[in-house]
PDB file of N, CA and C in Angstrom:
ATOM      1  N   MET A   1      -2.757  -9.771  15.080  1.00  0.00           N
ATOM      2  CA  MET A   1      -2.097  -9.015  16.111  1.00  0.00           C
ATOM      3  C   MET A   1      -2.865  -7.713  16.304  1.00  0.00           C
ATOM      4  N   SER A   2      -3.214  -7.418  17.518  1.00  0.00           N
ATOM      5  CA  SER A   2      -3.942  -6.182  17.783  1.00  0.00           C
ATOM      6  C   SER A   2      -2.983  -5.009  17.937  1.00  0.00           C
ATOM      7  N   ILE A   3      -3.498  -3.847  17.613  1.00  0.00           N
ATOM      8  CA  ILE A   3      -2.710  -2.627  17.743  1.00  0.00           C
ATOM      9  C   ILE A   3      -3.421  -1.743  18.748  1.00  0.00           C
ATOM     10  N   GLY A   4      -2.823  -1.589  19.922  1.00  0.00           N
ATOM     11  CA  GLY A   4      -3.420  -0.773  20.964  1.00  0.00           C
ATOM     12  C   GLY A   4      -3.065   0.696  20.803  1.00  0.00           C
ATOM     13  N   SER A   5      -3.551   1.499  21.727  1.00  0.00           N
ATOM     14  CA  SER A   5      -3.317   2.940  21.645  1.00  0.00           C
ATOM     15  C   SER A   5      -2.163   3.408  22.536  1.00  0.00           C
ATOM     16  N   SER A   6      -1.544   2.489  23.294  1.00  0.00           N
ATOM     17  CA  SER A   6      -0.412   2.876  24.135  1.00  0.00           C
ATOM     18  C   SER A   6       0.844   3.005  23.279  1.00  0.00           C
ATOM     19  N   GLY A   7       1.925   3.434  23.879  1.00  0.00           N
ATOM     20  CA  GLY A   7       3.184   3.552  23.159  1.00  0.00           C
ATOM     21  C   GLY A   7       4.032   2.301  23.214  1.00  0.00           C
ATOM     22  N   ARG A   8       3.460   1.210  23.662  1.00  0.00           N
ATOM     23  CA  ARG A   8       4.221  -0.024  23.810  1.00  0.00           C
ATOM     24  C   ARG A   8       4.123  -0.888  22.562  1.00  0.00           C
ATOM     25  N   ILE A   9       5.235  -1.549  22.236  1.00  0.00           N
ATOM     26  CA  ILE A   9       5.282  -2.535  21.158  1.00  0.00           C
ATOM     27  C   ILE A   9       5.820  -3.808  21.780  1.00  0.00           C
ATOM     28  N   VAL A  10       5.097  -4.898  21.635  1.00  0.00           N
ATOM     29  CA  VAL A  10       5.496  -6.164  22.241  1.00  0.00           C
ATOM     30  C   VAL A  10       5.637  -7.207  21.138  1.00  0.00           C
ATOM     31  N   ILE A  11       6.806  -7.850  21.085  1.00  0.00           N
ATOM     32  CA  ILE A  11       7.028  -8.930  20.122  1.00  0.00           C
ATOM     33  C   ILE A  11       7.709 -10.095  20.838  1.00  0.00           C
ATOM     34  N   GLU A  12       7.523 -11.263  20.298  1.00  0.00           N
ATOM     35  CA  GLU A  12       8.211 -12.442  20.821  1.00  0.00           C
ATOM     36  C   GLU A  12       9.277 -12.854  19.833  1.00  0.00           C
ATOM     37  N   VAL A  13      10.473 -13.128  20.349  1.00  0.00           N
ATOM     38  CA  VAL A  13      11.571 -13.622  19.526  1.00  0.00           C
ATOM     39  C   VAL A  13      12.201 -14.811  20.237  1.00  0.00           C
ATOM     40  N   GLU A  14      12.953 -15.580  19.487  1.00  0.00           N
ATOM     41  CA  GLU A  14      13.663 -16.708  20.071  1.00  0.00           C
ATOM     42  C   GLU A  14      14.657 -16.203  21.113  1.00  0.00           C
ATOM     43  N   PRO A  15      14.817 -16.909  22.228  1.00  0.00           N
ATOM     44  CA  PRO A  15      15.736 -16.462  23.279  1.00  0.00           C
ATOM     45  C   PRO A  15      17.165 -16.216  22.782  1.00  0.00           C
ATOM     46  N   GLU A  16      17.654 -17.027  21.857  1.00  0.00           N
ATOM     47  CA  GLU A  16      19.017 -16.849  21.349  1.00  0.00           C
ATOM     48  C   GLU A  16      19.136 -15.557  20.536  1.00  0.00           C
ATOM     49  N   VAL A  17      18.126 -15.247  19.762  1.00  0.00           N
ATOM     50  CA  VAL A  17      18.130 -14.013  18.985  1.00  0.00           C
ATOM     51  C   VAL A  17      18.120 -12.816  19.939  1.00  0.00           C
ATOM     52  N   LYS A  18      17.312 -12.904  20.971  1.00  0.00           N
ATOM     53  CA  LYS A  18      17.244 -11.837  21.974  1.00  0.00           C
ATOM     54  C   LYS A  18      18.603 -11.643  22.643  1.00  0.00           C
ATOM     55  N   ARG A  19      19.248 -12.717  23.014  1.00  0.00           N
ATOM     56  CA  ARG A  19      20.554 -12.637  23.672  1.00  0.00           C
ATOM     57  C   ARG A  19      21.582 -11.997  22.741  1.00  0.00           C
ATOM     58  N   GLN A  20      21.615 -12.433  21.492  1.00  0.00           N
ATOM     59  CA  GLN A  20      22.564 -11.876  20.525  1.00  0.00           C
ATOM     60  C   GLN A  20      22.301 -10.400  20.259  1.00  0.00           C
ATOM     61  N   LEU A  21      21.040 -10.044  20.154  1.00  0.00           N
ATOM     62  CA  LEU A  21      20.689  -8.651  19.897  1.00  0.00           C
ATOM     63  C   LEU A  21      21.137  -7.757  21.052  1.00  0.00           C
ATOM     64  N   TYR A  22      20.819  -8.153  22.282  1.00  0.00           N
ATOM     65  CA  TYR A  22      21.218  -7.347  23.437  1.00  0.00           C
ATOM     66  C   TYR A  22      22.737  -7.273  23.571  1.00  0.00           C
ATOM     67  N   ALA A  23      23.441  -8.349  23.275  1.00  0.00           N
ATOM     68  CA  ALA A  23      24.905  -8.344  23.353  1.00  0.00           C
ATOM     69  C   ALA A  23      25.492  -7.386  22.324  1.00  0.00           C
ATOM     70  N   THR A  24      24.962  -7.409  21.110  1.00  0.00           N
ATOM     71  CA  THR A  24      25.453  -6.530  20.052  1.00  0.00           C
ATOM     72  C   THR A  24      25.147  -5.072  20.380  1.00  0.00           C
ATOM     73  N   LEU A  25      23.962  -4.816  20.865  1.00  0.00           N
ATOM     74  CA  LEU A  25      23.598  -3.450  21.234  1.00  0.00           C
ATOM     75  C   LEU A  25      24.473  -2.934  22.373  1.00  0.00           C
ATOM     76  N   ALA A  26      24.767  -3.790  23.347  1.00  0.00           N
ATOM     77  CA  ALA A  26      25.617  -3.388  24.469  1.00  0.00           C
ATOM     78  C   ALA A  26      27.014  -3.011  23.981  1.00  0.00           C
ATOM     79  N   ARG A  27      27.554  -3.783  23.043  1.00  0.00           N
ATOM     80  CA  ARG A  27      28.873  -3.463  22.481  1.00  0.00           C
ATOM     81  C   ARG A  27      28.880  -2.111  21.796  1.00  0.00           C
ATOM     82  N   GLU A  28      27.755  -1.735  21.206  1.00  0.00           N
ATOM     83  CA  GLU A  28      27.660  -0.466  20.499  1.00  0.00           C
ATOM     84  C   GLU A  28      27.164   0.670  21.391  1.00  0.00           C
ATOM     85  N   GLY A  29      26.880   0.360  22.657  1.00  0.00           N
ATOM     86  CA  GLY A  29      26.420   1.381  23.589  1.00  0.00           C
ATOM     87  C   GLY A  29      25.011   1.870  23.327  1.00  0.00           C
ATOM     88  N   LEU A  30      24.181   1.012  22.744  1.00  0.00           N
ATOM     89  CA  LEU A  30      22.801   1.369  22.437  1.00  0.00           C
ATOM     90  C   LEU A  30      21.830   0.587  23.300  1.00  0.00           C
ATOM     91  N   THR A  31      20.673   1.170  23.540  1.00  0.00           N
ATOM     92  CA  THR A  31      19.586   0.424  24.163  1.00  0.00           C
ATOM     93  C   THR A  31      18.706  -0.132  23.050  1.00  0.00           C
ATOM     94  N   LEU A  32      17.898  -1.105  23.372  1.00  0.00           N
ATOM     95  CA  LEU A  32      16.973  -1.655  22.380  1.00  0.00           C
ATOM     96  C   LEU A  32      16.028  -0.562  21.890  1.00  0.00           C
ATOM     97  N   LYS A  33      15.579   0.296  22.796  1.00  0.00           N
ATOM     98  CA  LYS A  33      14.678   1.378  22.416  1.00  0.00           C
ATOM     99  C   LYS A  33      15.362   2.346  21.448  1.00  0.00           C
ATOM    100  N   ASP A  34      16.591   2.759  21.761  1.00  0.00           N
ATOM    101  CA  ASP A  34      17.326   3.668  20.867  1.00  0.00           C
ATOM    102  C   ASP A  34      17.466   3.060  19.473  1.00  0.00           C
ATOM    103  N   TRP A  35      17.890   1.796  19.428  1.00  0.00           N
ATOM    104  CA  TRP A  35      18.092   1.114  18.151  1.00  0.00           C
ATOM    105  C   TRP A  35      16.778   0.997  17.386  1.00  0.00           C
ATOM    106  N   PHE A  36      15.736   0.576  18.076  1.00  0.00           N
ATOM    107  CA  PHE A  36      14.455   0.380  17.414  1.00  0.00           C
ATOM    108  C   PHE A  36      13.920   1.692  16.851  1.00  0.00           C
ATOM    109  N   LEU A  37      13.981   2.762  17.643  1.00  0.00           N
ATOM    110  CA  LEU A  37      13.469   4.041  17.163  1.00  0.00           C
ATOM    111  C   LEU A  37      14.245   4.543  15.954  1.00  0.00           C
ATOM    112  N   ARG A  38      15.565   4.371  15.956  1.00  0.00           N
ATOM    113  CA  ARG A  38      16.386   4.778  14.815  1.00  0.00           C
ATOM    114  C   ARG A  38      16.007   3.975  13.578  1.00  0.00           C
ATOM    115  N   GLU A  39      15.918   2.662  13.720  1.00  0.00           N
ATOM    116  CA  GLU A  39      15.582   1.798  12.585  1.00  0.00           C
ATOM    117  C   GLU A  39      14.157   2.026  12.108  1.00  0.00           C
ATOM    118  N   ALA A  40      13.227   2.222  13.030  1.00  0.00           N
ATOM    119  CA  ALA A  40      11.828   2.448  12.661  1.00  0.00           C
ATOM    120  C   ALA A  40      11.685   3.759  11.902  1.00  0.00           C
ATOM    121  N   GLN A  41      12.353   4.817  12.369  1.00  0.00           N
ATOM    122  CA  GLN A  41      12.279   6.104  11.697  1.00  0.00           C
ATOM    123  C   GLN A  41      12.870   6.008  10.292  1.00  0.00           C
ATOM    124  N   ASP A  42      13.998   5.325  10.154  1.00  0.00           N
ATOM    125  CA  ASP A  42      14.614   5.147   8.844  1.00  0.00           C
ATOM    126  C   ASP A  42      13.684   4.375   7.909  1.00  0.00           C
ATOM    127  N   TYR A  43      13.065   3.337   8.421  1.00  0.00           N
ATOM    128  CA  TYR A  43      12.142   2.524   7.623  1.00  0.00           C
ATOM    129  C   TYR A  43      10.948   3.353   7.151  1.00  0.00           C
ATOM    130  N   VAL A  44      10.378   4.126   8.050  1.00  0.00           N
ATOM    131  CA  VAL A  44       9.226   4.948   7.694  1.00  0.00           C
ATOM    132  C   VAL A  44       9.616   5.987   6.644  1.00  0.00           C
ATOM    133  N   GLU A  45      10.757   6.638   6.850  1.00  0.00           N
ATOM    134  CA  GLU A  45      11.184   7.668   5.900  1.00  0.00           C
ATOM    135  C   GLU A  45      11.464   7.093   4.519  1.00  0.00           C
ATOM    136  N   THR A  46      12.124   5.942   4.446  1.00  0.00           N
ATOM    137  CA  THR A  46      12.441   5.370   3.135  1.00  0.00           C
ATOM    138  C   THR A  46      11.218   4.742   2.481  1.00  0.00           C
ATOM    139  N   SER A  47      10.252   4.327   3.278  1.00  0.00           N
ATOM    140  CA  SER A  47       9.042   3.726   2.716  1.00  0.00           C
ATOM    141  C   SER A  47       8.098   4.764   2.142  1.00  0.00           C
ATOM    142  N   THR A  48       8.197   6.003   2.602  1.00  0.00           N
ATOM    143  CA  THR A  48       7.275   7.026   2.128  1.00  0.00           C
ATOM    144  C   THR A  48       7.844   7.846   0.982  1.00  0.00           C
ATOM    145  N   GLN A  49       9.102   7.626   0.617  1.00  0.00           N
ATOM    146  CA  GLN A  49       9.695   8.349  -0.496  1.00  0.00           C
ATOM    147  C   GLN A  49       9.248   7.724  -1.811  1.00  0.00           C
ATOM    148  N   MET A  50       9.140   8.553  -2.823  1.00  0.00           N
ATOM    149  CA  MET A  50       8.806   8.049  -4.149  1.00  0.00           C
ATOM    150  C   MET A  50       9.983   7.222  -4.654  1.00  0.00           C
ATOM    151  N   PRO A  51       9.741   6.004  -5.123  1.00  0.00           N
ATOM    152  CA  PRO A  51      10.843   5.186  -5.626  1.00  0.00           C
ATOM    153  C   PRO A  51      11.377   5.730  -6.953  1.00  0.00           C
ATOM    154  N   LEU A  52      12.669   5.624  -7.139  1.00  0.00           N
ATOM    155  CA  LEU A  52      13.281   6.013  -8.404  1.00  0.00           C
ATOM    156  C   LEU A  52      13.250   4.826  -9.346  1.00  0.00           C
ATOM    157  N   ASP A  53      12.895   5.055 -10.578  1.00  0.00           N
ATOM    158  CA  ASP A  53      12.858   3.997 -11.572  1.00  0.00           C
ATOM    159  C   ASP A  53      14.225   3.904 -12.231  1.00  0.00           C
ATOM    160  N   LEU A  54      15.175   3.278 -11.540  1.00  0.00           N
ATOM    161  CA  LEU A  54      16.531   3.178 -12.053  1.00  0.00           C
ATOM    162  C   LEU A  54      16.674   2.107 -13.129  1.00  0.00           C
ATOM    163  N   ALA A  55      15.673   1.264 -13.283  1.00  0.00           N
ATOM    164  CA  ALA A  55      15.721   0.195 -14.278  1.00  0.00           C
ATOM    165  C   ALA A  55      15.084   0.627 -15.592  1.00  0.00           C
ATOM    166  N   SER A  56      14.728   1.883 -15.686  1.00  0.00           N
ATOM    167  CA  SER A  56      14.065   2.384 -16.881  1.00  0.00           C
ATOM    168  C   SER A  56      15.001   2.349 -18.084  1.00  0.00           C
ATOM    169  N   ASN A  57      14.442   2.135 -19.258  1.00  0.00           N
ATOM    170  CA  ASN A  57      15.222   2.160 -20.497  1.00  0.00           C
ATOM    171  C   ASN A  57      15.233   3.540 -21.118  1.00  0.00           C
ATOM    172  N   ALA A  58      14.654   4.508 -20.454  1.00  0.00           N
ATOM    173  CA  ALA A  58      14.588   5.856 -21.018  1.00  0.00           C
ATOM    174  C   ALA A  58      15.974   6.465 -21.080  1.00  0.00           C
ATOM    175  N   GLY A  59      16.289   7.023 -22.206  1.00  0.00           N
ATOM    176  CA  GLY A  59      17.569   7.701 -22.396  1.00  0.00           C
ATOM    177  C   GLY A  59      17.416   9.171 -22.075  1.00  0.00           C
ATOM    178  N   PRO A  60      18.333  10.000 -22.566  1.00  0.00           N
ATOM    179  CA  PRO A  60      18.246  11.441 -22.338  1.00  0.00           C
ATOM    180  C   PRO A  60      16.947  12.013 -22.885  1.00  0.00           C
ATOM    181  N   LYS A  61      16.383  12.956 -22.200  1.00  0.00           N
ATOM    182  CA  LYS A  61      15.148  13.649 -22.577  1.00  0.00           C
ATOM    183  C   LYS A  61      13.995  12.678 -22.802  1.00  0.00           C
ATOM    184  N   GLY A  62      14.018  11.535 -22.098  1.00  0.00           N
ATOM    185  CA  GLY A  62      12.896  10.614 -22.143  1.00  0.00           C
ATOM    186  C   GLY A  62      12.831   9.718 -23.352  1.00  0.00           C
ATOM    187  N   ARG A  63      13.813   9.785 -24.242  1.00  0.00           N
ATOM    188  CA  ARG A  63      13.785   8.901 -25.416  1.00  0.00           C
ATOM    189  C   ARG A  63      14.199   7.509 -24.988  1.00  0.00           C
ATOM    190  N   GLY A  64      13.444   6.524 -25.362  1.00  0.00           N
ATOM    191  CA  GLY A  64      13.747   5.147 -25.007  1.00  0.00           C
ATOM    192  C   GLY A  64      14.843   4.565 -25.868  1.00  0.00           C
ATOM    193  N   LYS A  65      15.543   3.608 -25.315  1.00  0.00           N
ATOM    194  CA  LYS A  65      16.573   2.896 -26.094  1.00  0.00           C
ATOM    195  C   LYS A  65      15.877   1.849 -26.948  1.00  0.00           C
ATOM    196  N   ARG A  66      16.393   1.632 -28.088  1.00  0.00           N
ATOM    197  CA  ARG A  66      15.818   0.620 -28.967  1.00  0.00           C
ATOM    198  C   ARG A  66      16.392  -0.750 -28.633  1.00  0.00           C
ATOM    199  N   ALA A  67      15.537  -1.742 -28.724  1.00  0.00           N
ATOM    200  CA  ALA A  67      15.987  -3.119 -28.478  1.00  0.00           C
ATOM    201  C   ALA A  67      16.863  -3.560 -29.634  1.00  0.00           C
ATOM    202  N   PRO A  68      17.915  -4.351 -29.381  1.00  0.00           N
ATOM    203  CA  PRO A  68      18.803  -4.811 -30.463  1.00  0.00           C
ATOM    204  C   PRO A  68      18.080  -5.737 -31.415  1.00  0.00           C
TER     205      PRO A  68
END
């Protein structure tokens, strides 16, 4: 897929997915552009943050837990 220098993004989706997406957006009072920009900005912001290592075994002050 080529990436041009214009501000346009073009994708192909199944017609049923397109219909459902536009119907859902209409119910919420959003345009596809509004929704896409909100979701894209959120994705970019969360992708550039340092991930937290919540699965770490480190206890208080960095001491690791001992295996049983």
